[in-house]
mmCIF file of all heavy atoms, coordinates in Angstrom:
data_MODEL
# 
_entry.id   MODEL 
# 
loop_
_atom_site.group_PDB 
_atom_site.id 
_atom_site.type_symbol 
_atom_site.label_atom_id 
_atom_site.label_alt_id 
_atom_site.label_comp_id 
_atom_site.label_asym_id 
_atom_site.label_entity_id 
_atom_site.label_seq_id 
_atom_site.pdbx_PDB_ins_code 
_atom_site.Cartn_x 
_atom_site.Cartn_y 
_atom_site.Cartn_z 
_atom_site.occupancy 
_atom_site.B_iso_or_equiv 
_atom_site.pdbx_formal_charge 
_atom_site.auth_seq_id 
_atom_site.auth_comp_id 
_atom_site.auth_asym_id 
_atom_site.auth_atom_id 
_atom_site.pdbx_PDB_model_num 
ATOM 1   N N   . GLY A 1 1  ? -256.276 -72.135 49.739 1.00 0.00 ? 1  GLY A N   1 
ATOM 2   C CA  . GLY A 1 1  ? -256.818 -72.859 50.841 1.00 0.00 ? 1  GLY A CA  1 
ATOM 3   C C   . GLY A 1 1  ? -256.697 -74.344 50.820 1.00 0.00 ? 1  GLY A C   1 
ATOM 4   O O   . GLY A 1 1  ? -257.218 -75.026 51.714 1.00 0.00 ? 1  GLY A O   1 
ATOM 5   N N   . VAL A 1 2  ? -256.095 -74.899 49.785 1.00 0.00 ? 2  VAL A N   1 
ATOM 6   C CA  . VAL A 1 2  ? -255.848 -76.353 49.708 1.00 0.00 ? 2  VAL A CA  1 
ATOM 7   C C   . VAL A 1 2  ? -254.433 -76.690 50.148 1.00 0.00 ? 2  VAL A C   1 
ATOM 8   O O   . VAL A 1 2  ? -253.486 -76.207 49.539 1.00 0.00 ? 2  VAL A O   1 
ATOM 9   C CB  . VAL A 1 2  ? -256.130 -76.893 48.274 1.00 0.00 ? 2  VAL A CB  1 
ATOM 10  C CG1 . VAL A 1 2  ? -255.788 -78.374 48.184 1.00 0.00 ? 2  VAL A CG1 1 
ATOM 11  C CG2 . VAL A 1 2  ? -257.579 -76.638 47.857 1.00 0.00 ? 2  VAL A CG2 1 
ATOM 12  N N   . GLY A 1 3  ? -254.309 -77.406 51.234 1.00 0.00 ? 3  GLY A N   1 
ATOM 13  C CA  . GLY A 1 3  ? -252.946 -77.743 51.733 1.00 0.00 ? 3  GLY A CA  1 
ATOM 14  C C   . GLY A 1 3  ? -252.465 -79.037 51.099 1.00 0.00 ? 3  GLY A C   1 
ATOM 15  O O   . GLY A 1 3  ? -253.141 -80.078 51.146 1.00 0.00 ? 3  GLY A O   1 
ATOM 16  N N   . ILE A 1 4  ? -251.296 -79.004 50.480 1.00 0.00 ? 4  ILE A N   1 
ATOM 17  C CA  . ILE A 1 4  ? -250.682 -80.127 49.830 1.00 0.00 ? 4  ILE A CA  1 
ATOM 18  C C   . ILE A 1 4  ? -249.560 -80.756 50.691 1.00 0.00 ? 4  ILE A C   1 
ATOM 19  O O   . ILE A 1 4  ? -248.747 -80.073 51.306 1.00 0.00 ? 4  ILE A O   1 
ATOM 20  C CB  . ILE A 1 4  ? -250.055 -79.712 48.457 1.00 0.00 ? 4  ILE A CB  1 
ATOM 21  C CG1 . ILE A 1 4  ? -251.149 -79.242 47.501 1.00 0.00 ? 4  ILE A CG1 1 
ATOM 22  C CG2 . ILE A 1 4  ? -249.214 -80.820 47.858 1.00 0.00 ? 4  ILE A CG2 1 
ATOM 23  C CD1 . ILE A 1 4  ? -250.595 -78.613 46.222 1.00 0.00 ? 4  ILE A CD1 1 
ATOM 24  N N   . VAL A 1 5  ? -249.633 -82.075 50.743 1.00 0.00 ? 5  VAL A N   1 
ATOM 25  C CA  . VAL A 1 5  ? -248.508 -82.886 51.327 1.00 0.00 ? 5  VAL A CA  1 
ATOM 26  C C   . VAL A 1 5  ? -247.870 -83.678 50.240 1.00 0.00 ? 5  VAL A C   1 
ATOM 27  O O   . VAL A 1 5  ? -248.536 -84.405 49.510 1.00 0.00 ? 5  VAL A O   1 
ATOM 28  C CB  . VAL A 1 5  ? -249.032 -83.827 52.441 1.00 0.00 ? 5  VAL A CB  1 
ATOM 29  C CG1 . VAL A 1 5  ? -247.890 -84.659 52.995 1.00 0.00 ? 5  VAL A CG1 1 
ATOM 30  C CG2 . VAL A 1 5  ? -249.732 -83.038 53.564 1.00 0.00 ? 5  VAL A CG2 1 
ATOM 31  N N   . THR A 1 6  ? -246.548 -83.557 50.094 1.00 0.00 ? 6  THR A N   1 
ATOM 32  C CA  . THR A 1 6  ? -245.782 -84.328 49.154 1.00 0.00 ? 6  THR A CA  1 
ATOM 33  C C   . THR A 1 6  ? -244.377 -84.477 49.681 1.00 0.00 ? 6  THR A C   1 
ATOM 34  O O   . THR A 1 6  ? -243.924 -83.565 50.464 1.00 0.00 ? 6  THR A O   1 
ATOM 35  C CB  . THR A 1 6  ? -245.786 -83.690 47.723 1.00 0.00 ? 6  THR A CB  1 
ATOM 36  O OG1 . THR A 1 6  ? -245.181 -84.607 46.810 1.00 0.00 ? 6  THR A OG1 1 
ATOM 37  C CG2 . THR A 1 6  ? -245.014 -82.381 47.719 1.00 0.00 ? 6  THR A CG2 1 
ATOM 38  N N   . PRO A 1 7  ? -243.671 -85.538 49.362 1.00 0.00 ? 7  PRO A N   1 
ATOM 39  C CA  . PRO A 1 7  ? -242.276 -85.637 49.879 1.00 0.00 ? 7  PRO A CA  1 
ATOM 40  C C   . PRO A 1 7  ? -241.415 -84.562 49.284 1.00 0.00 ? 7  PRO A C   1 
ATOM 41  O O   . PRO A 1 7  ? -241.733 -83.888 48.325 1.00 0.00 ? 7  PRO A O   1 
ATOM 42  C CB  . PRO A 1 7  ? -241.824 -87.051 49.443 1.00 0.00 ? 7  PRO A CB  1 
ATOM 43  C CG  . PRO A 1 7  ? -243.068 -87.727 49.053 1.00 0.00 ? 7  PRO A CG  1 
ATOM 44  C CD  . PRO A 1 7  ? -244.042 -86.727 48.622 1.00 0.00 ? 7  PRO A CD  1 
ATOM 45  N N   . ASN A 1 8  ? -240.181 -84.379 49.844 1.00 0.00 ? 8  ASN A N   1 
ATOM 46  C CA  . ASN A 1 8  ? -239.244 -83.416 49.396 1.00 0.00 ? 8  ASN A CA  1 
ATOM 47  C C   . ASN A 1 8  ? -238.373 -83.991 48.260 1.00 0.00 ? 8  ASN A C   1 
ATOM 48  O O   . ASN A 1 8  ? -237.763 -85.048 48.488 1.00 0.00 ? 8  ASN A O   1 
ATOM 49  C CB  . ASN A 1 8  ? -238.342 -82.958 50.562 1.00 0.00 ? 8  ASN A CB  1 
ATOM 50  C CG  . ASN A 1 8  ? -237.572 -81.740 50.266 1.00 0.00 ? 8  ASN A CG  1 
ATOM 51  O OD1 . ASN A 1 8  ? -237.056 -81.565 49.130 1.00 0.00 ? 8  ASN A OD1 1 
ATOM 52  N ND2 . ASN A 1 8  ? -237.484 -80.850 51.222 1.00 0.00 ? 8  ASN A ND2 1 
ATOM 53  N N   . PRO A 1 9  ? -238.302 -83.358 47.109 1.00 0.00 ? 9  PRO A N   1 
ATOM 54  C CA  . PRO A 1 9  ? -237.488 -83.886 46.016 1.00 0.00 ? 9  PRO A CA  1 
ATOM 55  C C   . PRO A 1 9  ? -236.007 -83.946 46.313 1.00 0.00 ? 9  PRO A C   1 
ATOM 56  O O   . PRO A 1 9  ? -235.248 -84.555 45.558 1.00 0.00 ? 9  PRO A O   1 
ATOM 57  C CB  . PRO A 1 9  ? -237.841 -82.988 44.829 1.00 0.00 ? 9  PRO A CB  1 
ATOM 58  C CG  . PRO A 1 9  ? -238.290 -81.751 45.482 1.00 0.00 ? 9  PRO A CG  1 
ATOM 59  C CD  . PRO A 1 9  ? -238.995 -82.108 46.722 1.00 0.00 ? 9  PRO A CD  1 
ATOM 60  N N   . GLY A 1 10 ? -235.561 -83.235 47.355 1.00 0.00 ? 10 GLY A N   1 
ATOM 61  C CA  . GLY A 1 10 ? -234.154 -83.344 47.696 1.00 0.00 ? 10 GLY A CA  1 
ATOM 62  C C   . GLY A 1 10 ? -233.728 -84.688 48.169 1.00 0.00 ? 10 GLY A C   1 
ATOM 63  O O   . GLY A 1 10 ? -232.543 -85.067 48.047 1.00 0.00 ? 10 GLY A O   1 
ATOM 64  N N   . SER A 1 11 ? -234.670 -85.446 48.735 1.00 0.00 ? 11 SER A N   1 
ATOM 65  C CA  . SER A 1 11 ? -234.337 -86.765 49.313 1.00 0.00 ? 11 SER A CA  1 
ATOM 66  C C   . SER A 1 11 ? -235.168 -87.891 48.728 1.00 0.00 ? 11 SER A C   1 
ATOM 67  O O   . SER A 1 11 ? -234.737 -89.049 48.654 1.00 0.00 ? 11 SER A O   1 
ATOM 68  C CB  . SER A 1 11 ? -234.539 -86.808 50.821 1.00 0.00 ? 11 SER A CB  1 
ATOM 69  O OG  . SER A 1 11 ? -235.874 -86.476 51.141 1.00 0.00 ? 11 SER A OG  1 
ATOM 70  N N   . SER A 1 12 ? -236.343 -87.548 48.230 1.00 0.00 ? 12 SER A N   1 
ATOM 71  C CA  . SER A 1 12 ? -237.343 -88.622 47.838 1.00 0.00 ? 12 SER A CA  1 
ATOM 72  C C   . SER A 1 12 ? -237.527 -88.729 46.356 1.00 0.00 ? 12 SER A C   1 
ATOM 73  O O   . SER A 1 12 ? -237.794 -87.733 45.677 1.00 0.00 ? 12 SER A O   1 
ATOM 74  C CB  . SER A 1 12 ? -238.676 -88.278 48.525 1.00 0.00 ? 12 SER A CB  1 
ATOM 75  O OG  . SER A 1 12 ? -239.670 -89.086 47.973 1.00 0.00 ? 12 SER A OG  1 
ATOM 76  N N   . GLY A 1 13 ? -237.467 -89.926 45.854 1.00 0.00 ? 13 GLY A N   1 
ATOM 77  C CA  . GLY A 1 13 ? -237.756 -90.212 44.464 1.00 0.00 ? 13 GLY A CA  1 
ATOM 78  C C   . GLY A 1 13 ? -239.222 -89.985 44.155 1.00 0.00 ? 13 GLY A C   1 
ATOM 79  O O   . GLY A 1 13 ? -239.608 -89.463 43.104 1.00 0.00 ? 13 GLY A O   1 
ATOM 80  N N   . SER A 1 14 ? -240.115 -90.422 45.118 1.00 0.00 ? 14 SER A N   1 
ATOM 81  C CA  . SER A 1 14 ? -241.570 -90.249 44.836 1.00 0.00 ? 14 SER A CA  1 
ATOM 82  C C   . SER A 1 14 ? -241.901 -88.843 44.684 1.00 0.00 ? 14 SER A C   1 
ATOM 83  O O   . SER A 1 14 ? -242.848 -88.462 43.911 1.00 0.00 ? 14 SER A O   1 
ATOM 84  C CB  . SER A 1 14 ? -242.375 -90.933 45.969 1.00 0.00 ? 14 SER A CB  1 
ATOM 85  O OG  . SER A 1 14 ? -242.104 -90.346 47.188 1.00 0.00 ? 14 SER A OG  1 
ATOM 86  N N   . ALA A 1 15 ? -241.218 -87.902 45.377 1.00 0.00 ? 15 ALA A N   1 
ATOM 87  C CA  . ALA A 1 15 ? -241.456 -86.480 45.207 1.00 0.00 ? 15 ALA A CA  1 
ATOM 88  C C   . ALA A 1 15 ? -241.233 -86.022 43.768 1.00 0.00 ? 15 ALA A C   1 
ATOM 89  O O   . ALA A 1 15 ? -242.019 -85.223 43.148 1.00 0.00 ? 15 ALA A O   1 
ATOM 90  C CB  . ALA A 1 15 ? -240.580 -85.671 46.132 1.00 0.00 ? 15 ALA A CB  1 
ATOM 91  N N   . ARG A 1 16 ? -240.205 -86.517 43.163 1.00 0.00 ? 16 ARG A N   1 
ATOM 92  C CA  . ARG A 1 16 ? -239.887 -86.119 41.766 1.00 0.00 ? 16 ARG A CA  1 
ATOM 93  C C   . ARG A 1 16 ? -240.914 -86.633 40.780 1.00 0.00 ? 16 ARG A C   1 
ATOM 94  O O   . ARG A 1 16 ? -241.339 -85.945 39.838 1.00 0.00 ? 16 ARG A O   1 
ATOM 95  C CB  . ARG A 1 16 ? -238.454 -86.594 41.415 1.00 0.00 ? 16 ARG A CB  1 
ATOM 96  C CG  . ARG A 1 16 ? -237.421 -85.944 42.282 1.00 0.00 ? 16 ARG A CG  1 
ATOM 97  C CD  . ARG A 1 16 ? -235.949 -86.140 41.827 1.00 0.00 ? 16 ARG A CD  1 
ATOM 98  N NE  . ARG A 1 16 ? -235.036 -85.442 42.672 1.00 0.00 ? 16 ARG A NE  1 
ATOM 99  C CZ  . ARG A 1 16 ? -233.768 -85.207 42.423 1.00 0.00 ? 16 ARG A CZ  1 
ATOM 100 N NH1 . ARG A 1 16 ? -233.274 -85.599 41.243 1.00 0.00 ? 16 ARG A NH1 1 
ATOM 101 N NH2 . ARG A 1 16 ? -233.031 -84.602 43.293 1.00 0.00 ? 16 ARG A NH2 1 
ATOM 102 N N   . TRP A 1 17 ? -241.393 -87.878 40.967 1.00 0.00 ? 17 TRP A N   1 
ATOM 103 C CA  . TRP A 1 17 ? -242.506 -88.385 40.199 1.00 0.00 ? 17 TRP A CA  1 
ATOM 104 C C   . TRP A 1 17 ? -243.723 -87.457 40.351 1.00 0.00 ? 17 TRP A C   1 
ATOM 105 O O   . TRP A 1 17 ? -244.375 -87.041 39.348 1.00 0.00 ? 17 TRP A O   1 
ATOM 106 C CB  . TRP A 1 17 ? -242.911 -89.782 40.589 1.00 0.00 ? 17 TRP A CB  1 
ATOM 107 C CG  . TRP A 1 17 ? -241.944 -90.817 40.246 1.00 0.00 ? 17 TRP A CG  1 
ATOM 108 C CD1 . TRP A 1 17 ? -241.161 -91.569 41.155 1.00 0.00 ? 17 TRP A CD1 1 
ATOM 109 C CD2 . TRP A 1 17 ? -241.577 -91.365 38.980 1.00 0.00 ? 17 TRP A CD2 1 
ATOM 110 N NE1 . TRP A 1 17 ? -240.389 -92.471 40.498 1.00 0.00 ? 17 TRP A NE1 1 
ATOM 111 C CE2 . TRP A 1 17 ? -240.609 -92.368 39.149 1.00 0.00 ? 17 TRP A CE2 1 
ATOM 112 C CE3 . TRP A 1 17 ? -242.045 -91.064 37.684 1.00 0.00 ? 17 TRP A CE3 1 
ATOM 113 C CZ2 . TRP A 1 17 ? -240.084 -93.116 38.087 1.00 0.00 ? 17 TRP A CZ2 1 
ATOM 114 C CZ3 . TRP A 1 17 ? -241.508 -91.768 36.609 1.00 0.00 ? 17 TRP A CZ3 1 
ATOM 115 C CH2 . TRP A 1 17 ? -240.559 -92.783 36.815 1.00 0.00 ? 17 TRP A CH2 1 
ATOM 116 N N   . ASN A 1 18 ? -244.069 -87.062 41.622 1.00 0.00 ? 18 ASN A N   1 
ATOM 117 C CA  . ASN A 1 18 ? -245.238 -86.238 41.860 1.00 0.00 ? 18 ASN A CA  1 
ATOM 118 C C   . ASN A 1 18 ? -245.128 -84.871 41.187 1.00 0.00 ? 18 ASN A C   1 
ATOM 119 O O   . ASN A 1 18 ? -246.072 -84.434 40.525 1.00 0.00 ? 18 ASN A O   1 
ATOM 120 C CB  . ASN A 1 18 ? -245.359 -85.988 43.375 1.00 0.00 ? 18 ASN A CB  1 
ATOM 121 C CG  . ASN A 1 18 ? -245.627 -87.259 44.191 1.00 0.00 ? 18 ASN A CG  1 
ATOM 122 O OD1 . ASN A 1 18 ? -245.948 -88.298 43.606 1.00 0.00 ? 18 ASN A OD1 1 
ATOM 123 N ND2 . ASN A 1 18 ? -245.485 -87.146 45.480 1.00 0.00 ? 18 ASN A ND2 1 
ATOM 124 N N   . ILE A 1 19 ? -243.961 -84.259 41.348 1.00 0.00 ? 19 ILE A N   1 
ATOM 125 C CA  . ILE A 1 19 ? -243.818 -82.915 40.785 1.00 0.00 ? 19 ILE A CA  1 
ATOM 126 C C   . ILE A 1 19 ? -243.782 -82.974 39.252 1.00 0.00 ? 19 ILE A C   1 
ATOM 127 O O   . ILE A 1 19 ? -244.345 -82.078 38.577 1.00 0.00 ? 19 ILE A O   1 
ATOM 128 C CB  . ILE A 1 19 ? -242.542 -82.316 41.341 1.00 0.00 ? 19 ILE A CB  1 
ATOM 129 C CG1 . ILE A 1 19 ? -242.774 -82.013 42.901 1.00 0.00 ? 19 ILE A CG1 1 
ATOM 130 C CG2 . ILE A 1 19 ? -242.195 -80.995 40.663 1.00 0.00 ? 19 ILE A CG2 1 
ATOM 131 C CD1 . ILE A 1 19 ? -241.483 -81.828 43.666 1.00 0.00 ? 19 ILE A CD1 1 
ATOM 132 N N   . MET A 1 20 ? -243.180 -83.963 38.654 1.00 0.00 ? 20 MET A N   1 
ATOM 133 C CA  . MET A 1 20 ? -243.184 -84.039 37.216 1.00 0.00 ? 20 MET A CA  1 
ATOM 134 C C   . MET A 1 20 ? -244.611 -84.346 36.686 1.00 0.00 ? 20 MET A C   1 
ATOM 135 O O   . MET A 1 20 ? -244.982 -83.911 35.597 1.00 0.00 ? 20 MET A O   1 
ATOM 136 C CB  . MET A 1 20 ? -242.228 -85.156 36.731 1.00 0.00 ? 20 MET A CB  1 
ATOM 137 C CG  . MET A 1 20 ? -240.754 -84.749 36.902 1.00 0.00 ? 20 MET A CG  1 
ATOM 138 S SD  . MET A 1 20 ? -240.357 -83.176 36.115 1.00 0.00 ? 20 MET A SD  1 
ATOM 139 C CE  . MET A 1 20 ? -240.784 -83.525 34.409 1.00 0.00 ? 20 MET A CE  1 
ATOM 140 N N   . ALA A 1 21 ? -245.412 -85.079 37.417 1.00 0.00 ? 21 ALA A N   1 
ATOM 141 C CA  . ALA A 1 21 ? -246.837 -85.281 37.087 1.00 0.00 ? 21 ALA A CA  1 
ATOM 142 C C   . ALA A 1 21 ? -247.589 -83.963 37.069 1.00 0.00 ? 21 ALA A C   1 
ATOM 143 O O   . ALA A 1 21 ? -248.434 -83.696 36.199 1.00 0.00 ? 21 ALA A O   1 
ATOM 144 C CB  . ALA A 1 21 ? -247.480 -86.284 38.023 1.00 0.00 ? 21 ALA A CB  1 
ATOM 145 N N   . ALA A 1 22 ? -247.298 -83.101 38.105 1.00 0.00 ? 22 ALA A N   1 
ATOM 146 C CA  . ALA A 1 22 ? -247.948 -81.797 38.144 1.00 0.00 ? 22 ALA A CA  1 
ATOM 147 C C   . ALA A 1 22 ? -247.511 -80.947 36.940 1.00 0.00 ? 22 ALA A C   1 
ATOM 148 O O   . ALA A 1 22 ? -248.334 -80.242 36.308 1.00 0.00 ? 22 ALA A O   1 
ATOM 149 C CB  . ALA A 1 22 ? -247.596 -81.107 39.472 1.00 0.00 ? 22 ALA A CB  1 
ATOM 150 N N   . TRP A 1 23 ? -246.206 -80.901 36.712 1.00 0.00 ? 23 TRP A N   1 
ATOM 151 C CA  . TRP A 1 23 ? -245.678 -80.172 35.580 1.00 0.00 ? 23 TRP A CA  1 
ATOM 152 C C   . TRP A 1 23 ? -246.341 -80.672 34.239 1.00 0.00 ? 23 TRP A C   1 
ATOM 153 O O   . TRP A 1 23 ? -246.740 -79.897 33.409 1.00 0.00 ? 23 TRP A O   1 
ATOM 154 C CB  . TRP A 1 23 ? -244.173 -80.346 35.493 1.00 0.00 ? 23 TRP A CB  1 
ATOM 155 C CG  . TRP A 1 23 ? -243.511 -79.709 34.325 1.00 0.00 ? 23 TRP A CG  1 
ATOM 156 C CD1 . TRP A 1 23 ? -243.360 -80.294 33.053 1.00 0.00 ? 23 TRP A CD1 1 
ATOM 157 C CD2 . TRP A 1 23 ? -242.885 -78.454 34.207 1.00 0.00 ? 23 TRP A CD2 1 
ATOM 158 N NE1 . TRP A 1 23 ? -242.695 -79.431 32.220 1.00 0.00 ? 23 TRP A NE1 1 
ATOM 159 C CE2 . TRP A 1 23 ? -242.381 -78.313 32.915 1.00 0.00 ? 23 TRP A CE2 1 
ATOM 160 C CE3 . TRP A 1 23 ? -242.694 -77.401 35.156 1.00 0.00 ? 23 TRP A CE3 1 
ATOM 161 C CZ2 . TRP A 1 23 ? -241.690 -77.123 32.495 1.00 0.00 ? 23 TRP A CZ2 1 
ATOM 162 C CZ3 . TRP A 1 23 ? -241.989 -76.275 34.731 1.00 0.00 ? 23 TRP A CZ3 1 
ATOM 163 C CH2 . TRP A 1 23 ? -241.536 -76.114 33.432 1.00 0.00 ? 23 TRP A CH2 1 
ATOM 164 N N   . ASN A 1 24 ? -246.355 -82.005 34.080 1.00 0.00 ? 24 ASN A N   1 
ATOM 165 C CA  . ASN A 1 24 ? -246.911 -82.602 32.895 1.00 0.00 ? 24 ASN A CA  1 
ATOM 166 C C   . ASN A 1 24 ? -248.387 -82.271 32.671 1.00 0.00 ? 24 ASN A C   1 
ATOM 167 O O   . ASN A 1 24 ? -248.843 -82.183 31.508 1.00 0.00 ? 24 ASN A O   1 
ATOM 168 C CB  . ASN A 1 24 ? -246.738 -84.080 32.916 1.00 0.00 ? 24 ASN A CB  1 
ATOM 169 C CG  . ASN A 1 24 ? -247.295 -84.769 31.691 1.00 0.00 ? 24 ASN A CG  1 
ATOM 170 O OD1 . ASN A 1 24 ? -246.665 -84.723 30.642 1.00 0.00 ? 24 ASN A OD1 1 
ATOM 171 N ND2 . ASN A 1 24 ? -248.363 -85.455 31.779 1.00 0.00 ? 24 ASN A ND2 1 
ATOM 172 N N   . HIS A 1 25 ? -249.130 -82.054 33.744 1.00 0.00 ? 25 HIS A N   1 
ATOM 173 C CA  . HIS A 1 25 ? -250.540 -81.668 33.635 1.00 0.00 ? 25 HIS A CA  1 
ATOM 174 C C   . HIS A 1 25 ? -250.710 -80.465 32.733 1.00 0.00 ? 25 HIS A C   1 
ATOM 175 O O   . HIS A 1 25 ? -251.542 -80.470 31.821 1.00 0.00 ? 25 HIS A O   1 
ATOM 176 C CB  . HIS A 1 25 ? -251.155 -81.425 34.972 1.00 0.00 ? 25 HIS A CB  1 
ATOM 177 C CG  . HIS A 1 25 ? -252.498 -80.734 34.893 1.00 0.00 ? 25 HIS A CG  1 
ATOM 178 N ND1 . HIS A 1 25 ? -253.589 -81.360 34.367 1.00 0.00 ? 25 HIS A ND1 1 
ATOM 179 C CD2 . HIS A 1 25 ? -252.909 -79.522 35.268 1.00 0.00 ? 25 HIS A CD2 1 
ATOM 180 C CE1 . HIS A 1 25 ? -254.654 -80.548 34.399 1.00 0.00 ? 25 HIS A CE1 1 
ATOM 181 N NE2 . HIS A 1 25 ? -254.235 -79.417 34.953 1.00 0.00 ? 25 HIS A NE2 1 
ATOM 182 N N   . VAL A 1 26 ? -249.870 -79.455 32.895 1.00 0.00 ? 26 VAL A N   1 
ATOM 183 C CA  . VAL A 1 26 ? -249.979 -78.262 32.101 1.00 0.00 ? 26 VAL A CA  1 
ATOM 184 C C   . VAL A 1 26 ? -249.512 -78.565 30.630 1.00 0.00 ? 26 VAL A C   1 
ATOM 185 O O   . VAL A 1 26 ? -250.167 -78.141 29.663 1.00 0.00 ? 26 VAL A O   1 
ATOM 186 C CB  . VAL A 1 26 ? -249.116 -77.117 32.712 1.00 0.00 ? 26 VAL A CB  1 
ATOM 187 C CG1 . VAL A 1 26 ? -249.146 -75.896 31.806 1.00 0.00 ? 26 VAL A CG1 1 
ATOM 188 C CG2 . VAL A 1 26 ? -249.646 -76.789 34.125 1.00 0.00 ? 26 VAL A CG2 1 
ATOM 189 N N   . ILE A 1 27 ? -248.393 -79.235 30.485 1.00 0.00 ? 27 ILE A N   1 
ATOM 190 C CA  . ILE A 1 27 ? -247.842 -79.537 29.181 1.00 0.00 ? 27 ILE A CA  1 
ATOM 191 C C   . ILE A 1 27 ? -248.828 -80.419 28.393 1.00 0.00 ? 27 ILE A C   1 
ATOM 192 O O   . ILE A 1 27 ? -249.011 -80.234 27.175 1.00 0.00 ? 27 ILE A O   1 
ATOM 193 C CB  . ILE A 1 27 ? -246.481 -80.184 29.329 1.00 0.00 ? 27 ILE A CB  1 
ATOM 194 C CG1 . ILE A 1 27 ? -245.500 -79.301 30.065 1.00 0.00 ? 27 ILE A CG1 1 
ATOM 195 C CG2 . ILE A 1 27 ? -245.921 -80.576 27.929 1.00 0.00 ? 27 ILE A CG2 1 
ATOM 196 C CD1 . ILE A 1 27 ? -245.284 -77.944 29.460 1.00 0.00 ? 27 ILE A CD1 1 
# 
């Protein structure tokens, strides 16, 4: 039920930072 907005990593550098931060949370 939580809707996330983030840029698309196919075009956006900020998206890649965001997604790697999410990945890193688990690691």
